[in-house]
Each structure stands twice: as structure tokens, then as C-alpha cells.
Amino acid sequence: MNEREKMLAGKWYDANFDKNLVNERLKVKSKCDELNQIPHNKVEERNHILREILNNELPSGLDILSPFTVDYGENISFGENCFVNHYCYFMDGAPITIGNNVFFGPYVGLYTATHPLQFSSRNKGLEKAKPIIIGDNCWFGANVSVMPGVTIGEGCVLAAGAVVTKDIPDNILAAGVPAQVISTINQTEELD
């Protein structure tokens, strides 16, 4: 297996020194730089670059504000009507799957990569990537961080500053470091 295949298979791989992966990241990060320089009112121009970053057609209603940064882009799939606020970073060494109607506050980070605890292996550039899955109708407050391998159920709200290290079931309000379940959200309750 080459390093890219190891990465996508969830095995330890050389993230730092493999020339092919480094070049892929540099190419996509340059596209992110390009996107981040295009004014928000130039929607078609921005969407053209976003299609190149994500290597895919854009779902309807996707709105991504700059600056926005990814590692590979093609490992991210968005559902419809998603909103990504300023300064979000999606580290997509493994797939990041995002449902419909998901809102990300500013400075949200989705991190699929983890490193060895032993510095001798870490210094060799090794890392492992685990997928992140996000259900429909979720809201991420500002500065939420989601760690590798986490699944977040439908209808969840992650409070600002939460660090999500474990799976979150459907319809949960979670907050804290690490994120803890605060309450279950009654999705049929009407606003006052």
C-alpha cells in the first residue's frame, strides 16, 4: 500500500514526509488560499473554486465563508443547506460526512488525524486518520472541536467551545471539555 491508501484505510501512514501527500495538500491549500481571496459577492467564482477543492459538485444551499481551510478537500461530503462560518478548518485525512442543514459557527475544527503517543514514531511523521460523521440538522457553536472517529447524531447542538471526543446520540445538547451530554432536545417543542 502507498501512504495515501494507508491513510484512507485508517492505518498508520507517513503524513509529513510522503511527497505525494505533501503535494496533494499544498495543491488544495493553494486552492483554499485562492478561495479566501475571492470576495463573497462573487458567488460563481467562489463556487468554481469550491468545486475544485471538494472535487465534487456542490449540494444546493451550501454556503462557506472565508477563510476556510482543508487538507485534501475530496474527503469531505456536504449535505444540502449547510452553512460554514468564518475560520473553519476541516482536517480530512479520513472521510468527513456532513448531513443536511448543518450549521458550523466560526472557528469550528473537524480533526480526523491522530498521532502516536511515542515521540519516536511521531517524529517520523506518522499519523492515523479516522472518519467523522455528522447527522442532519446539527448546530456547532463557535470554537467546537471534533476529534477523530466521532459520530454525531441528528438534531444535535454542540455548545461553543465543546471538545467532542466521543460519539453523541441523536437530539443531544452537549457542552464542555470533553463534551458531555447536558440534555435531550425535544424536537417537537414550539418556540415561545
C-alpha atoms as a PDB file:
ATOM      1  CA  MET A   1       0.000   0.000   0.000  1.00  0.00           C
ATOM      2  CA  ASN A   2       1.161   3.511  -0.675  1.00  0.00           C
ATOM      3  CA  GLU A   3       0.811   6.193   2.024  1.00  0.00           C
ATOM      4  CA  ARG A   4      -2.450   7.561   0.595  1.00  0.00           C
ATOM      5  CA  GLU A   5      -4.016   4.088   0.590  1.00  0.00           C
ATOM      6  CA  LYS A   6      -2.876   3.564   4.191  1.00  0.00           C
ATOM      7  CA  MET A   7      -4.393   6.928   5.155  1.00  0.00           C
ATOM      8  CA  LEU A   8      -7.772   6.093   3.632  1.00  0.00           C
ATOM      9  CA  ALA A   9      -7.684   2.585   5.166  1.00  0.00           C
ATOM     10  CA  GLY A  10      -7.251   4.015   8.683  1.00  0.00           C
ATOM     11  CA  LYS A  11      -3.693   2.677   9.081  1.00  0.00           C
ATOM     12  CA  TRP A  12      -0.587   4.467  10.295  1.00  0.00           C
ATOM     13  CA  TYR A  13       0.857   6.442   7.388  1.00  0.00           C
ATOM     14  CA  ASP A  14       3.603   8.966   6.714  1.00  0.00           C
ATOM     15  CA  ALA A  15       1.749  12.281   6.681  1.00  0.00           C
ATOM     16  CA  ASN A  16       4.768  14.565   6.971  1.00  0.00           C
ATOM     17  CA  PHE A  17       7.371  13.246   4.568  1.00  0.00           C
ATOM     18  CA  ASP A  18       5.496  11.420   1.808  1.00  0.00           C
ATOM     19  CA  LYS A  19       5.989  13.691  -1.221  1.00  0.00           C
ATOM     20  CA  ASN A  20       2.720  12.700  -2.895  1.00  0.00           C
ATOM     21  CA  LEU A  21       0.586  13.542   0.142  1.00  0.00           C
ATOM     22  CA  VAL A  22       2.513  16.748   0.816  1.00  0.00           C
ATOM     23  CA  ASN A  23       1.998  17.827  -2.796  1.00  0.00           C
ATOM     24  CA  GLU A  24      -1.724  16.986  -2.673  1.00  0.00           C
ATOM     25  CA  ARG A  25      -2.147  19.094   0.478  1.00  0.00           C
ATOM     26  CA  LEU A  26      -0.147  22.005  -0.956  1.00  0.00           C
ATOM     27  CA  LYS A  27      -2.227  21.986  -4.134  1.00  0.00           C
ATOM     28  CA  VAL A  28      -5.518  22.044  -2.220  1.00  0.00           C
ATOM     29  CA  LYS A  29      -4.308  24.568   0.356  1.00  0.00           C
ATOM     30  CA  SER A  30      -3.332  26.857  -2.540  1.00  0.00           C
ATOM     31  CA  LYS A  31      -6.905  26.484  -3.821  1.00  0.00           C
ATOM     32  CA  CYS A  32      -8.141  27.418  -0.324  1.00  0.00           C
ATOM     33  CA  ASP A  33      -5.877  30.485  -0.428  1.00  0.00           C
ATOM     34  CA  GLU A  34      -7.415  31.371  -3.788  1.00  0.00           C
ATOM     35  CA  LEU A  35     -10.962  30.911  -2.439  1.00  0.00           C
ATOM     36  CA  ASN A  36     -10.165  33.008   0.609  1.00  0.00           C
ATOM     37  CA  GLN A  37      -9.116  35.944  -1.611  1.00  0.00           C
ATOM     38  CA  ILE A  38     -12.335  35.999  -3.663  1.00  0.00           C
ATOM     39  CA  PRO A  39     -14.958  38.467  -2.380  1.00  0.00           C
ATOM     40  CA  HIS A  40     -18.091  36.797  -1.007  1.00  0.00           C
ATOM     41  CA  ASN A  41     -20.313  38.594  -3.553  1.00  0.00           C
ATOM     42  CA  LYS A  42     -18.521  36.763  -6.419  1.00  0.00           C
ATOM     43  CA  VAL A  43     -20.599  33.633  -5.820  1.00  0.00           C
ATOM     44  CA  GLU A  44     -19.980  31.867  -9.139  1.00  0.00           C
ATOM     45  CA  GLU A  45     -16.231  32.392  -8.920  1.00  0.00           C
ATOM     46  CA  ARG A  46     -16.184  31.111  -5.329  1.00  0.00           C
ATOM     47  CA  ASN A  47     -18.328  28.086  -6.237  1.00  0.00           C
ATOM     48  CA  HIS A  48     -15.983  27.231  -9.120  1.00  0.00           C
ATOM     49  CA  ILE A  49     -13.014  27.070  -6.717  1.00  0.00           C
ATOM     50  CA  LEU A  50     -15.068  25.204  -4.084  1.00  0.00           C
ATOM     51  CA  ARG A  51     -15.894  22.528  -6.668  1.00  0.00           C
ATOM     52  CA  GLU A  52     -12.164  22.160  -7.327  1.00  0.00           C
ATOM     53  CA  ILE A  53     -11.373  21.984  -3.594  1.00  0.00           C
ATOM     54  CA  LEU A  54     -14.079  19.407  -2.843  1.00  0.00           C
ATOM     55  CA  ASN A  55     -13.575  17.608  -6.194  1.00  0.00           C
ATOM     56  CA  ASN A  56     -17.329  17.364  -6.475  1.00  0.00           C
ATOM     57  CA  GLU A  57     -20.498  19.161  -7.453  1.00  0.00           C
ATOM     58  CA  LEU A  58     -21.787  21.411  -4.696  1.00  0.00           C
ATOM     59  CA  PRO A  59     -25.038  20.482  -2.957  1.00  0.00           C
ATOM     60  CA  SER A  60     -27.793  23.072  -3.068  1.00  0.00           C
ATOM     61  CA  GLY A  61     -27.713  25.682  -0.334  1.00  0.00           C
ATOM     62  CA  LEU A  62     -24.052  25.198   0.635  1.00  0.00           C
ATOM     63  CA  ASP A  63     -22.627  28.474   1.980  1.00  0.00           C
ATOM     64  CA  ILE A  64     -18.966  28.559   3.030  1.00  0.00           C
ATOM     65  CA  LEU A  65     -17.492  31.806   4.356  1.00  0.00           C
ATOM     66  CA  SER A  66     -13.808  32.604   4.153  1.00  0.00           C
ATOM     67  CA  PRO A  67     -11.332  31.887   5.409  1.00  0.00           C
ATOM     68  CA  PHE A  68     -11.917  28.150   5.027  1.00  0.00           C
ATOM     69  CA  THR A  69      -9.172  25.522   5.052  1.00  0.00           C
ATOM     70  CA  VAL A  70      -8.997  21.783   4.360  1.00  0.00           C
ATOM     71  CA  ASP A  71      -6.197  19.252   3.927  1.00  0.00           C
ATOM     72  CA  TYR A  72      -7.435  17.307   0.889  1.00  0.00           C
ATOM     73  CA  GLY A  73     -10.995  18.513   0.265  1.00  0.00           C
ATOM     74  CA  GLU A  74     -12.102  15.480  -1.712  1.00  0.00           C
ATOM     75  CA  ASN A  75     -12.696  13.514   1.518  1.00  0.00           C
ATOM     76  CA  ILE A  76     -15.447  15.932   2.611  1.00  0.00           C
ATOM     77  CA  SER A  77     -19.069  15.445   1.609  1.00  0.00           C
ATOM     78  CA  PHE A  78     -21.724  18.018   2.477  1.00  0.00           C
ATOM     79  CA  GLY A  79     -25.469  17.542   2.520  1.00  0.00           C
ATOM     80  CA  GLU A  80     -27.852  20.251   1.372  1.00  0.00           C
ATOM     81  CA  ASN A  81     -28.341  23.631   3.068  1.00  0.00           C
ATOM     82  CA  CYS A  82     -25.137  23.634   5.106  1.00  0.00           C
ATOM     83  CA  PHE A  83     -23.540  26.800   6.443  1.00  0.00           C
ATOM     84  CA  VAL A  84     -19.847  27.097   7.353  1.00  0.00           C
ATOM     85  CA  ASN A  85     -18.897  30.303   9.165  1.00  0.00           C
ATOM     86  CA  HIS A  86     -15.529  32.088   9.067  1.00  0.00           C
ATOM     87  CA  TYR A  87     -12.244  30.410  10.061  1.00  0.00           C
ATOM     88  CA  CYS A  88     -13.334  26.766   9.930  1.00  0.00           C
ATOM     89  CA  TYR A  89     -10.740  24.048   9.345  1.00  0.00           C
ATOM     90  CA  PHE A  90     -11.683  20.536   8.222  1.00  0.00           C
ATOM     91  CA  MET A  91      -8.703  18.157   8.519  1.00  0.00           C
ATOM     92  CA  ASP A  92      -9.892  15.456   6.134  1.00  0.00           C
ATOM     93  CA  GLY A  93      -7.286  12.698   6.094  1.00  0.00           C
ATOM     94  CA  ALA A  94     -10.280  10.369   6.537  1.00  0.00           C
ATOM     95  CA  PRO A  95     -13.802  10.977   5.221  1.00  0.00           C
ATOM     96  CA  ILE A  96     -15.864  13.731   6.817  1.00  0.00           C
ATOM     97  CA  THR A  97     -19.542  13.152   6.087  1.00  0.00           C
ATOM     98  CA  ILE A  98     -21.893  16.037   6.862  1.00  0.00           C
ATOM     99  CA  GLY A  99     -25.685  15.701   6.720  1.00  0.00           C
ATOM    100  CA  ASN A 100     -28.301  18.204   5.572  1.00  0.00           C
ATOM    101  CA  ASN A 101     -28.994  21.501   7.354  1.00  0.00           C
ATOM    102  CA  VAL A 102     -25.798  21.541   9.408  1.00  0.00           C
ATOM    103  CA  PHE A 103     -24.582  24.922  10.719  1.00  0.00           C
ATOM    104  CA  PHE A 104     -20.976  25.496  11.781  1.00  0.00           C
ATOM    105  CA  GLY A 105     -20.105  28.551  13.865  1.00  0.00           C
ATOM    106  CA  PRO A 106     -16.786  30.346  13.438  1.00  0.00           C
ATOM    107  CA  TYR A 107     -13.533  28.557  14.245  1.00  0.00           C
ATOM    108  CA  VAL A 108     -15.023  25.039  14.184  1.00  0.00           C
ATOM    109  CA  GLY A 109     -12.422  22.324  13.647  1.00  0.00           C
ATOM    110  CA  LEU A 110     -13.120  18.792  12.423  1.00  0.00           C
ATOM    111  CA  TYR A 111      -9.957  16.760  13.033  1.00  0.00           C
ATOM    112  CA  THR A 112      -9.661  13.244  11.596  1.00  0.00           C
ATOM    113  CA  ALA A 113      -5.938  12.831  12.349  1.00  0.00           C
ATOM    114  CA  THR A 114      -4.300  11.448  15.449  1.00  0.00           C
ATOM    115  CA  HIS A 115      -0.615  10.941  16.189  1.00  0.00           C
ATOM    116  CA  PRO A 116       1.329   8.284  18.129  1.00  0.00           C
ATOM    117  CA  LEU A 117       1.930   8.950  21.800  1.00  0.00           C
ATOM    118  CA  GLN A 118       5.535   7.802  21.444  1.00  0.00           C
ATOM    119  CA  PHE A 119       7.627  10.701  20.159  1.00  0.00           C
ATOM    120  CA  SER A 120       9.975   8.424  18.195  1.00  0.00           C
ATOM    121  CA  SER A 121       7.070   7.361  15.940  1.00  0.00           C
ATOM    122  CA  ARG A 122       5.521  10.821  15.941  1.00  0.00           C
ATOM    123  CA  ASN A 123       8.835  12.351  14.817  1.00  0.00           C
ATOM    124  CA  LYS A 124       8.793  10.015  11.795  1.00  0.00           C
ATOM    125  CA  GLY A 125       5.674  11.850  10.620  1.00  0.00           C
ATOM    126  CA  LEU A 126       3.240   9.043  11.364  1.00  0.00           C
ATOM    127  CA  GLU A 127      -0.438   9.663  11.882  1.00  0.00           C
ATOM    128  CA  LYS A 128      -3.701   7.776  11.581  1.00  0.00           C
ATOM    129  CA  ALA A 129      -6.978   9.207  10.287  1.00  0.00           C
ATOM    130  CA  LYS A 130     -10.441   8.182  11.473  1.00  0.00           C
ATOM    131  CA  PRO A 131     -13.716   9.312   9.846  1.00  0.00           C
ATOM    132  CA  ILE A 132     -16.100  11.891  11.290  1.00  0.00           C
ATOM    133  CA  ILE A 133     -19.837  11.542  10.606  1.00  0.00           C
ATOM    134  CA  ILE A 134     -22.344  14.316  11.333  1.00  0.00           C
ATOM    135  CA  GLY A 135     -26.098  13.732  11.093  1.00  0.00           C
ATOM    136  CA  ASP A 136     -28.736  16.095   9.714  1.00  0.00           C
ATOM    137  CA  ASN A 137     -29.889  19.277  11.444  1.00  0.00           C
ATOM    138  CA  CYS A 138     -26.922  19.846  13.744  1.00  0.00           C
ATOM    139  CA  TRP A 139     -25.584  23.165  15.025  1.00  0.00           C
ATOM    140  CA  PHE A 140     -21.971  23.667  16.100  1.00  0.00           C
ATOM    141  CA  GLY A 141     -21.290  26.757  18.206  1.00  0.00           C
ATOM    142  CA  ALA A 142     -18.110  28.791  17.847  1.00  0.00           C
ATOM    143  CA  ASN A 143     -14.800  27.054  18.533  1.00  0.00           C
ATOM    144  CA  VAL A 144     -16.179  23.500  18.666  1.00  0.00           C
ATOM    145  CA  SER A 145     -13.538  20.829  18.048  1.00  0.00           C
ATOM    146  CA  VAL A 146     -14.497  17.329  16.881  1.00  0.00           C
ATOM    147  CA  MET A 147     -11.872  14.618  17.335  1.00  0.00           C
ATOM    148  CA  PRO A 148     -11.058  11.611  15.095  1.00  0.00           C
ATOM    149  CA  GLY A 149     -13.581   8.811  14.724  1.00  0.00           C
ATOM    150  CA  VAL A 150     -16.551  10.669  16.241  1.00  0.00           C
ATOM    151  CA  THR A 151     -20.140  10.249  15.036  1.00  0.00           C
ATOM    152  CA  ILE A 152     -22.633  12.968  15.921  1.00  0.00           C
ATOM    153  CA  GLY A 153     -26.297  12.049  15.643  1.00  0.00           C
ATOM    154  CA  GLU A 154     -29.108  14.019  14.046  1.00  0.00           C
ATOM    155  CA  GLY A 155     -30.531  17.150  15.657  1.00  0.00           C
ATOM    156  CA  CYS A 156     -27.584  17.791  17.982  1.00  0.00           C
ATOM    157  CA  VAL A 157     -26.358  21.117  19.313  1.00  0.00           C
ATOM    158  CA  LEU A 158     -22.703  21.388  20.349  1.00  0.00           C
ATOM    159  CA  ALA A 159     -22.198  24.378  22.628  1.00  0.00           C
ATOM    160  CA  ALA A 160     -19.459  26.904  21.918  1.00  0.00           C
ATOM    161  CA  GLY A 161     -16.031  25.650  22.908  1.00  0.00           C
ATOM    162  CA  ALA A 162     -17.046  21.985  23.206  1.00  0.00           C
ATOM    163  CA  VAL A 163     -14.377  19.373  22.511  1.00  0.00           C
ATOM    164  CA  VAL A 164     -16.168  16.287  21.198  1.00  0.00           C
ATOM    165  CA  THR A 165     -14.121  13.154  21.891  1.00  0.00           C
ATOM    166  CA  LYS A 166     -16.892  10.509  21.867  1.00  0.00           C
ATOM    167  CA  ASP A 167     -19.988   9.741  19.821  1.00  0.00           C
ATOM    168  CA  ILE A 168     -23.068  11.878  20.535  1.00  0.00           C
ATOM    169  CA  PRO A 169     -26.539  10.285  20.127  1.00  0.00           C
ATOM    170  CA  ASP A 170     -29.415  11.978  18.256  1.00  0.00           C
ATOM    171  CA  ASN A 171     -31.044  15.141  19.643  1.00  0.00           C
ATOM    172  CA  ILE A 172     -28.482  15.963  22.321  1.00  0.00           C
ATOM    173  CA  LEU A 173     -27.216  19.269  23.666  1.00  0.00           C
ATOM    174  CA  ALA A 174     -23.567  18.697  24.589  1.00  0.00           C
ATOM    175  CA  ALA A 175     -21.057  21.112  26.106  1.00  0.00           C
ATOM    176  CA  GLY A 176     -17.688  21.207  27.822  1.00  0.00           C
ATOM    177  CA  VAL A 177     -14.182  19.826  27.610  1.00  0.00           C
ATOM    178  CA  PRO A 178     -14.547  16.981  26.972  1.00  0.00           C
ATOM    179  CA  ALA A 179     -18.119  17.410  25.732  1.00  0.00           C
ATOM    180  CA  GLN A 180     -20.753  15.916  27.998  1.00  0.00           C
ATOM    181  CA  VAL A 181     -24.479  15.403  27.450  1.00  0.00           C
ATOM    182  CA  ILE A 182     -26.345  18.336  29.007  1.00  0.00           C
ATOM    183  CA  SER A 183     -29.878  17.432  27.941  1.00  0.00           C
ATOM    184  CA  THR A 184     -32.046  15.790  25.316  1.00  0.00           C
ATOM    185  CA  ILE A 185     -33.593  18.196  22.815  1.00  0.00           C
ATOM    186  CA  ASN A 186     -37.358  17.880  22.323  1.00  0.00           C
ATOM    187  CA  GLN A 187     -37.612  18.458  18.574  1.00  0.00           C
ATOM    188  CA  THR A 188     -41.413  18.834  18.651  1.00  0.00           C
ATOM    189  CA  GLU A 189     -41.410  21.668  21.202  1.00  0.00           C
ATOM    190  CA  GLU A 190     -42.532  25.038  19.797  1.00  0.00           C
ATOM    191  CA  LEU A 191     -40.771  28.347  20.448  1.00  0.00           C
ATOM    192  CA  ASP A 192     -42.484  30.807  22.806  1.00  0.00           C
END
